Amino acid sequence: MLGVLGLLIVCTLVIWFEVPKLRQKKAKKELWLFYTVLAIGMVVSICKALGLNVPNPSDLSAAIFKPVSIFLLRLLS
């Protein structure tokens, strides 16, 4: 739980330093992107800190392209 608390503190500090700059520039799209990327990163980081299994993005691409490669190999053989 100490790791999760540390992550939340770091996240709060990042928001505290970055959001006022984005609001001052009136960068609404960048602000939404910032919050979205930060939220995704926080969810993954908290899952890792709690010891949960976080899938690797390359596993998804392997699952998608393996049947395609098998099909193409059978087609070309």
PDB file of N, CA and C in Angstrom:
ATOM      1  N   MET A   1       0.813  -1.201   0.000  1.00  0.00           N
ATOM      2  CA  MET A   1       0.000   0.000   0.000  1.00  0.00           C
ATOM      3  C   MET A   1       0.851   1.256   0.000  1.00  0.00           C
ATOM      4  N   LEU A   2       2.060   1.136   0.495  1.00  0.00           N
ATOM      5  CA  LEU A   2       2.951   2.293   0.514  1.00  0.00           C
ATOM      6  C   LEU A   2       3.313   2.710  -0.906  1.00  0.00           C
ATOM      7  N   GLY A   3       3.447   1.723  -1.789  1.00  0.00           N
ATOM      8  CA  GLY A   3       3.735   2.023  -3.192  1.00  0.00           C
ATOM      9  C   GLY A   3       2.595   2.781  -3.855  1.00  0.00           C
ATOM     10  N   VAL A   4       1.369   2.399  -3.548  1.00  0.00           N
ATOM     11  CA  VAL A   4       0.198   3.078  -4.113  1.00  0.00           C
ATOM     12  C   VAL A   4       0.129   4.510  -3.600  1.00  0.00           C
ATOM     13  N   LEU A   5       0.410   4.692  -2.326  1.00  0.00           N
ATOM     14  CA  LEU A   5       0.419   6.040  -1.755  1.00  0.00           C
ATOM     15  C   LEU A   5       1.490   6.906  -2.419  1.00  0.00           C
ATOM     16  N   GLY A   6       2.650   6.334  -2.638  1.00  0.00           N
ATOM     17  CA  GLY A   6       3.715   7.059  -3.328  1.00  0.00           C
ATOM     18  C   GLY A   6       3.321   7.445  -4.747  1.00  0.00           C
ATOM     19  N   LEU A   7       2.673   6.535  -5.448  1.00  0.00           N
ATOM     20  CA  LEU A   7       2.210   6.828  -6.808  1.00  0.00           C
ATOM     21  C   LEU A   7       1.185   7.950  -6.823  1.00  0.00           C
ATOM     22  N   LEU A   8       0.265   7.926  -5.858  1.00  0.00           N
ATOM     23  CA  LEU A   8      -0.747   8.979  -5.793  1.00  0.00           C
ATOM     24  C   LEU A   8      -0.119  10.337  -5.476  1.00  0.00           C
ATOM     25  N   ILE A   9       0.899  10.345  -4.625  1.00  0.00           N
ATOM     26  CA  ILE A   9       1.591  11.600  -4.322  1.00  0.00           C
ATOM     27  C   ILE A   9       2.302  12.130  -5.551  1.00  0.00           C
ATOM     28  N   VAL A  10       2.994  11.263  -6.265  1.00  0.00           N
ATOM     29  CA  VAL A  10       3.692  11.686  -7.490  1.00  0.00           C
ATOM     30  C   VAL A  10       2.697  12.182  -8.529  1.00  0.00           C
ATOM     31  N   CYS A  11       1.582  11.483  -8.682  1.00  0.00           N
ATOM     32  CA  CYS A  11       0.555  11.892  -9.637  1.00  0.00           C
ATOM     33  C   CYS A  11      -0.003  13.268  -9.281  1.00  0.00           C
ATOM     34  N   THR A  12      -0.245  13.486  -8.000  1.00  0.00           N
ATOM     35  CA  THR A  12      -0.753  14.774  -7.546  1.00  0.00           C
ATOM     36  C   THR A  12       0.253  15.892  -7.833  1.00  0.00           C
ATOM     37  N   LEU A  13       1.521  15.612  -7.614  1.00  0.00           N
ATOM     38  CA  LEU A  13       2.553  16.620  -7.898  1.00  0.00           C
ATOM     39  C   LEU A  13       2.645  16.933  -9.389  1.00  0.00           C
ATOM     40  N   VAL A  14       2.544  15.908 -10.212  1.00  0.00           N
ATOM     41  CA  VAL A  14       2.583  16.124 -11.661  1.00  0.00           C
ATOM     42  C   VAL A  14       1.407  16.986 -12.100  1.00  0.00           C
ATOM     43  N   ILE A  15       0.227  16.682 -11.579  1.00  0.00           N
ATOM     44  CA  ILE A  15      -0.952  17.494 -11.913  1.00  0.00           C
ATOM     45  C   ILE A  15      -0.773  18.913 -11.421  1.00  0.00           C
ATOM     46  N   TRP A  16      -0.242  19.063 -10.229  1.00  0.00           N
ATOM     47  CA  TRP A  16      -0.069  20.387  -9.627  1.00  0.00           C
ATOM     48  C   TRP A  16       0.866  21.261 -10.448  1.00  0.00           C
ATOM     49  N   PHE A  17       1.911  20.663 -11.037  1.00  0.00           N
ATOM     50  CA  PHE A  17       2.867  21.448 -11.818  1.00  0.00           C
ATOM     51  C   PHE A  17       2.444  21.653 -13.263  1.00  0.00           C
ATOM     52  N   GLU A  18       1.782  20.690 -13.861  1.00  0.00           N
ATOM     53  CA  GLU A  18       1.506  20.745 -15.299  1.00  0.00           C
ATOM     54  C   GLU A  18       0.162  21.364 -15.671  1.00  0.00           C
ATOM     55  N   VAL A  19      -0.870  21.100 -14.909  1.00  0.00           N
ATOM     56  CA  VAL A  19      -2.209  21.556 -15.281  1.00  0.00           C
ATOM     57  C   VAL A  19      -2.326  23.079 -15.341  1.00  0.00           C
ATOM     58  N   PRO A  20      -1.775  23.834 -14.391  1.00  0.00           N
ATOM     59  CA  PRO A  20      -1.891  25.296 -14.514  1.00  0.00           C
ATOM     60  C   PRO A  20      -1.279  25.855 -15.802  1.00  0.00           C
ATOM     61  N   LYS A  21      -0.182  25.263 -16.256  1.00  0.00           N
ATOM     62  CA  LYS A  21       0.438  25.711 -17.510  1.00  0.00           C
ATOM     63  C   LYS A  21      -0.495  25.455 -18.691  1.00  0.00           C
ATOM     64  N   LEU A  22      -1.123  24.278 -18.703  1.00  0.00           N
ATOM     65  CA  LEU A  22      -2.025  23.949 -19.802  1.00  0.00           C
ATOM     66  C   LEU A  22      -3.283  24.801 -19.763  1.00  0.00           C
ATOM     67  N   ARG A  23      -3.780  25.088 -18.571  1.00  0.00           N
ATOM     68  CA  ARG A  23      -4.959  25.952 -18.466  1.00  0.00           C
ATOM     69  C   ARG A  23      -4.634  27.379 -18.874  1.00  0.00           C
ATOM     70  N   GLN A  24      -3.446  27.832 -18.545  1.00  0.00           N
ATOM     71  CA  GLN A  24      -3.030  29.186 -18.903  1.00  0.00           C
ATOM     72  C   GLN A  24      -2.943  29.341 -20.421  1.00  0.00           C
ATOM     73  N   LYS A  25      -2.493  28.292 -21.088  1.00  0.00           N
ATOM     74  CA  LYS A  25      -2.403  28.314 -22.550  1.00  0.00           C
ATOM     75  C   LYS A  25      -3.755  28.034 -23.207  1.00  0.00           C
ATOM     76  N   LYS A  26      -4.754  27.698 -22.400  1.00  0.00           N
ATOM     77  CA  LYS A  26      -6.093  27.327 -22.880  1.00  0.00           C
ATOM     78  C   LYS A  26      -6.028  26.164 -23.870  1.00  0.00           C
ATOM     79  N   ALA A  27      -5.198  25.199 -23.533  1.00  0.00           N
ATOM     80  CA  ALA A  27      -4.987  24.022 -24.375  1.00  0.00           C
ATOM     81  C   ALA A  27      -5.918  22.909 -23.908  1.00  0.00           C
ATOM     82  N   LYS A  28      -7.174  22.973 -24.324  1.00  0.00           N
ATOM     83  CA  LYS A  28      -8.170  22.006 -23.854  1.00  0.00           C
ATOM     84  C   LYS A  28      -7.897  20.596 -24.367  1.00  0.00           C
ATOM     85  N   LYS A  29      -7.516  20.465 -25.631  1.00  0.00           N
ATOM     86  CA  LYS A  29      -7.256  19.133 -26.178  1.00  0.00           C
ATOM     87  C   LYS A  29      -6.047  18.495 -25.495  1.00  0.00           C
ATOM     88  N   GLU A  30      -5.016  19.291 -25.279  1.00  0.00           N
ATOM     89  CA  GLU A  30      -3.820  18.778 -24.615  1.00  0.00           C
ATOM     90  C   GLU A  30      -4.119  18.408 -23.163  1.00  0.00           C
ATOM     91  N   LEU A  31      -5.001  19.169 -22.529  1.00  0.00           N
ATOM     92  CA  LEU A  31      -5.370  18.889 -21.156  1.00  0.00           C
ATOM     93  C   LEU A  31      -6.121  17.567 -21.055  1.00  0.00           C
ATOM     94  N   TRP A  32      -7.055  17.331 -21.979  1.00  0.00           N
ATOM     95  CA  TRP A  32      -7.770  16.055 -22.002  1.00  0.00           C
ATOM     96  C   TRP A  32      -6.821  14.902 -22.277  1.00  0.00           C
ATOM     97  N   LEU A  33      -5.897  15.093 -23.203  1.00  0.00           N
ATOM     98  CA  LEU A  33      -4.912  14.056 -23.502  1.00  0.00           C
ATOM     99  C   LEU A  33      -4.027  13.785 -22.284  1.00  0.00           C
ATOM    100  N   PHE A  34      -3.608  14.854 -21.614  1.00  0.00           N
ATOM    101  CA  PHE A  34      -2.789  14.726 -20.412  1.00  0.00           C
ATOM    102  C   PHE A  34      -3.510  13.891 -19.355  1.00  0.00           C
ATOM    103  N   TYR A  35      -4.766  14.224 -19.074  1.00  0.00           N
ATOM    104  CA  TYR A  35      -5.525  13.487 -18.071  1.00  0.00           C
ATOM    105  C   TYR A  35      -5.740  12.030 -18.486  1.00  0.00           C
ATOM    106  N   THR A  36      -6.000  11.792 -19.751  1.00  0.00           N
ATOM    107  CA  THR A  36      -6.234  10.431 -20.231  1.00  0.00           C
ATOM    108  C   THR A  36      -4.980   9.572 -20.094  1.00  0.00           C
ATOM    109  N   VAL A  37      -3.862  10.093 -20.562  1.00  0.00           N
ATOM    110  CA  VAL A  37      -2.603   9.337 -20.492  1.00  0.00           C
ATOM    111  C   VAL A  37      -2.189   9.138 -19.035  1.00  0.00           C
ATOM    112  N   LEU A  38      -2.365  10.168 -18.221  1.00  0.00           N
ATOM    113  CA  LEU A  38      -2.026  10.057 -16.804  1.00  0.00           C
ATOM    114  C   LEU A  38      -2.908   9.014 -16.112  1.00  0.00           C
ATOM    115  N   ALA A  39      -4.190   8.995 -16.425  1.00  0.00           N
ATOM    116  CA  ALA A  39      -5.100   8.017 -15.813  1.00  0.00           C
ATOM    117  C   ALA A  39      -4.734   6.595 -16.221  1.00  0.00           C
ATOM    118  N   ILE A  40      -4.442   6.388 -17.493  1.00  0.00           N
ATOM    119  CA  ILE A  40      -4.042   5.052 -17.952  1.00  0.00           C
ATOM    120  C   ILE A  40      -2.749   4.619 -17.263  1.00  0.00           C
ATOM    121  N   GLY A  41      -1.799   5.528 -17.209  1.00  0.00           N
ATOM    122  CA  GLY A  41      -0.530   5.226 -16.545  1.00  0.00           C
ATOM    123  C   GLY A  41      -0.704   4.927 -15.070  1.00  0.00           C
ATOM    124  N   MET A  42      -1.588   5.671 -14.414  1.00  0.00           N
ATOM    125  CA  MET A  42      -1.818   5.442 -12.982  1.00  0.00           C
ATOM    126  C   MET A  42      -2.486   4.095 -12.741  1.00  0.00           C
ATOM    127  N   VAL A  43      -3.457   3.744 -13.570  1.00  0.00           N
ATOM    128  CA  VAL A  43      -4.133   2.451 -13.398  1.00  0.00           C
ATOM    129  C   VAL A  43      -3.138   1.310 -13.560  1.00  0.00           C
ATOM    130  N   VAL A  44      -2.309   1.373 -14.586  1.00  0.00           N
ATOM    131  CA  VAL A  44      -1.319   0.315 -14.811  1.00  0.00           C
ATOM    132  C   VAL A  44      -0.297   0.286 -13.672  1.00  0.00           C
ATOM    133  N   SER A  45       0.157   1.455 -13.239  1.00  0.00           N
ATOM    134  CA  SER A  45       1.143   1.517 -12.161  1.00  0.00           C
ATOM    135  C   SER A  45       0.584   1.001 -10.842  1.00  0.00           C
ATOM    136  N   ILE A  46      -0.647   1.343 -10.529  1.00  0.00           N
ATOM    137  CA  ILE A  46      -1.263   0.856  -9.294  1.00  0.00           C
ATOM    138  C   ILE A  46      -1.462  -0.656  -9.353  1.00  0.00           C
ATOM    139  N   CYS A  47      -1.857  -1.158 -10.503  1.00  0.00           N
ATOM    140  CA  CYS A  47      -1.994  -2.617 -10.655  1.00  0.00           C
ATOM    141  C   CYS A  47      -0.649  -3.312 -10.441  1.00  0.00           C
ATOM    142  N   LYS A  48       0.403  -2.760 -10.995  1.00  0.00           N
ATOM    143  CA  LYS A  48       1.737  -3.338 -10.808  1.00  0.00           C
ATOM    144  C   LYS A  48       2.173  -3.239  -9.347  1.00  0.00           C
ATOM    145  N   ALA A  49       1.871  -2.106  -8.698  1.00  0.00           N
ATOM    146  CA  ALA A  49       2.253  -1.927  -7.292  1.00  0.00           C
ATOM    147  C   ALA A  49       1.505  -2.902  -6.385  1.00  0.00           C
ATOM    148  N   LEU A  50       0.294  -3.264  -6.752  1.00  0.00           N
ATOM    149  CA  LEU A  50      -0.490  -4.211  -5.961  1.00  0.00           C
ATOM    150  C   LEU A  50      -0.186  -5.664  -6.320  1.00  0.00           C
ATOM    151  N   GLY A  51       0.695  -5.861  -7.285  1.00  0.00           N
ATOM    152  CA  GLY A  51       1.100  -7.211  -7.662  1.00  0.00           C
ATOM    153  C   GLY A  51       0.138  -7.913  -8.596  1.00  0.00           C
ATOM    154  N   LEU A  52      -0.741  -7.153  -9.234  1.00  0.00           N
ATOM    155  CA  LEU A  52      -1.685  -7.755 -10.178  1.00  0.00           C
ATOM    156  C   LEU A  52      -0.991  -8.025 -11.510  1.00  0.00           C
ATOM    157  N   ASN A  53      -1.496  -8.987 -12.242  1.00  0.00           N
ATOM    158  CA  ASN A  53      -0.928  -9.340 -13.532  1.00  0.00           C
ATOM    159  C   ASN A  53      -1.407  -8.339 -14.586  1.00  0.00           C
ATOM    160  N   VAL A  54      -0.472  -7.591 -15.150  1.00  0.00           N
ATOM    161  CA  VAL A  54      -0.786  -6.625 -16.197  1.00  0.00           C
ATOM    162  C   VAL A  54      -0.288  -7.201 -17.514  1.00  0.00           C
ATOM    163  N   PRO A  55      -1.183  -7.412 -18.481  1.00  0.00           N
ATOM    164  CA  PRO A  55      -0.753  -8.018 -19.742  1.00  0.00           C
ATOM    165  C   PRO A  55       0.175  -7.106 -20.532  1.00  0.00           C
ATOM    166  N   ASN A  56       1.066  -7.734 -21.249  1.00  0.00           N
ATOM    167  CA  ASN A  56       2.012  -7.026 -22.097  1.00  0.00           C
ATOM    168  C   ASN A  56       1.320  -6.690 -23.424  1.00  0.00           C
ATOM    169  N   PRO A  57       1.478  -5.467 -23.937  1.00  0.00           N
ATOM    170  CA  PRO A  57       0.827  -5.126 -25.209  1.00  0.00           C
ATOM    171  C   PRO A  57       1.267  -6.007 -26.377  1.00  0.00           C
ATOM    172  N   SER A  58       2.471  -6.529 -26.326  1.00  0.00           N
ATOM    173  CA  SER A  58       2.925  -7.382 -27.417  1.00  0.00           C
ATOM    174  C   SER A  58       2.191  -8.725 -27.430  1.00  0.00           C
ATOM    175  N   ASP A  59       1.640  -9.126 -26.286  1.00  0.00           N
ATOM    176  CA  ASP A  59       0.844 -10.361 -26.244  1.00  0.00           C
ATOM    177  C   ASP A  59      -0.413 -10.216 -27.101  1.00  0.00           C
ATOM    178  N   LEU A  60      -1.005  -9.048 -27.088  1.00  0.00           N
ATOM    179  CA  LEU A  60      -2.192  -8.800 -27.910  1.00  0.00           C
ATOM    180  C   LEU A  60      -1.851  -8.879 -29.396  1.00  0.00           C
ATOM    181  N   SER A  61      -0.754  -8.251 -29.789  1.00  0.00           N
ATOM    182  CA  SER A  61      -0.380  -8.300 -31.211  1.00  0.00           C
ATOM    183  C   SER A  61      -0.009  -9.719 -31.626  1.00  0.00           C
ATOM    184  N   ALA A  62       0.623 -10.469 -30.747  1.00  0.00           N
ATOM    185  CA  ALA A  62       0.946 -11.864 -31.066  1.00  0.00           C
ATOM    186  C   ALA A  62      -0.323 -12.692 -31.222  1.00  0.00           C
ATOM    187  N   ALA A  63      -1.299 -12.450 -30.368  1.00  0.00           N
ATOM    188  CA  ALA A  63      -2.556 -13.190 -30.461  1.00  0.00           C
ATOM    189  C   ALA A  63      -3.305 -12.863 -31.749  1.00  0.00           C
ATOM    190  N   ILE A  64      -3.167 -11.648 -32.221  1.00  0.00           N
ATOM    191  CA  ILE A  64      -3.843 -11.237 -33.456  1.00  0.00           C
ATOM    192  C   ILE A  64      -3.129 -11.789 -34.685  1.00  0.00           C
ATOM    193  N   PHE A  65      -1.804 -11.676 -34.716  1.00  0.00           N
ATOM    194  CA  PHE A  65      -1.068 -12.005 -35.927  1.00  0.00           C
ATOM    195  C   PHE A  65      -0.655 -13.462 -36.049  1.00  0.00           C
ATOM    196  N   LYS A  66      -0.693 -14.230 -34.971  1.00  0.00           N
ATOM    197  CA  LYS A  66      -0.313 -15.635 -35.069  1.00  0.00           C
ATOM    198  C   LYS A  66      -1.254 -16.417 -35.987  1.00  0.00           C
ATOM    199  N   PRO A  67      -2.575 -16.294 -35.845  1.00  0.00           N
ATOM    200  CA  PRO A  67      -3.452 -17.007 -36.785  1.00  0.00           C
ATOM    201  C   PRO A  67      -3.277 -16.530 -38.233  1.00  0.00           C
ATOM    202  N   VAL A  68      -2.992 -15.260 -38.394  1.00  0.00           N
ATOM    203  CA  VAL A  68      -2.778 -14.727 -39.750  1.00  0.00           C
ATOM    204  C   VAL A  68      -1.514 -15.342 -40.347  1.00  0.00           C
ATOM    205  N   SER A  69      -0.457 -15.430 -39.558  1.00  0.00           N
ATOM    206  CA  SER A  69       0.788 -16.002 -40.085  1.00  0.00           C
ATOM    207  C   SER A  69       0.623 -17.495 -40.384  1.00  0.00           C
ATOM    208  N   ILE A  70      -0.111 -18.212 -39.541  1.00  0.00           N
ATOM    209  CA  ILE A  70      -0.364 -19.639 -39.806  1.00  0.00           C
ATOM    210  C   ILE A  70      -1.155 -19.799 -41.098  1.00  0.00           C
ATOM    211  N   PHE A  71      -2.162 -18.971 -41.296  1.00  0.00           N
ATOM    212  CA  PHE A  71      -2.961 -19.018 -42.512  1.00  0.00           C
ATOM    213  C   PHE A  71      -2.095 -18.748 -43.741  1.00  0.00           C
ATOM    214  N   LEU A  72      -1.246 -17.707 -43.665  1.00  0.00           N
ATOM    215  CA  LEU A  72      -0.404 -17.369 -44.814  1.00  0.00           C
ATOM    216  C   LEU A  72       0.632 -18.464 -45.088  1.00  0.00           C
ATOM    217  N   LEU A  73       1.175 -19.062 -44.052  1.00  0.00           N
ATOM    218  CA  LEU A  73       2.138 -20.144 -44.255  1.00  0.00           C
ATOM    219  C   LEU A  73       1.481 -21.351 -44.915  1.00  0.00           C
ATOM    220  N   ARG A  74       0.271 -21.676 -44.504  1.00  0.00           N
ATOM    221  CA  ARG A  74      -0.452 -22.798 -45.139  1.00  0.00           C
ATOM    222  C   ARG A  74      -0.839 -22.462 -46.576  1.00  0.00           C
ATOM    223  N   LEU A  75      -1.171 -21.223 -46.802  1.00  0.00           N
ATOM    224  CA  LEU A  75      -1.554 -20.801 -48.148  1.00  0.00           C
ATOM    225  C   LEU A  75      -0.369 -20.847 -49.113  1.00  0.00           C
ATOM    226  N   LEU A  76       0.790 -20.458 -48.631  1.00  0.00           N
ATOM    227  CA  LEU A  76       1.970 -20.402 -49.482  1.00  0.00           C
ATOM    228  C   LEU A  76       2.733 -21.722 -49.571  1.00  0.00           C
ATOM    229  N   SER A  77       2.411 -22.692 -48.721  1.00  0.00           N
ATOM    230  CA  SER A  77       3.126 -23.970 -48.749  1.00  0.00           C
ATOM    231  C   SER A  77       2.554 -24.896 -49.795  1.00  0.00           C
TER     232      SER A  77
END
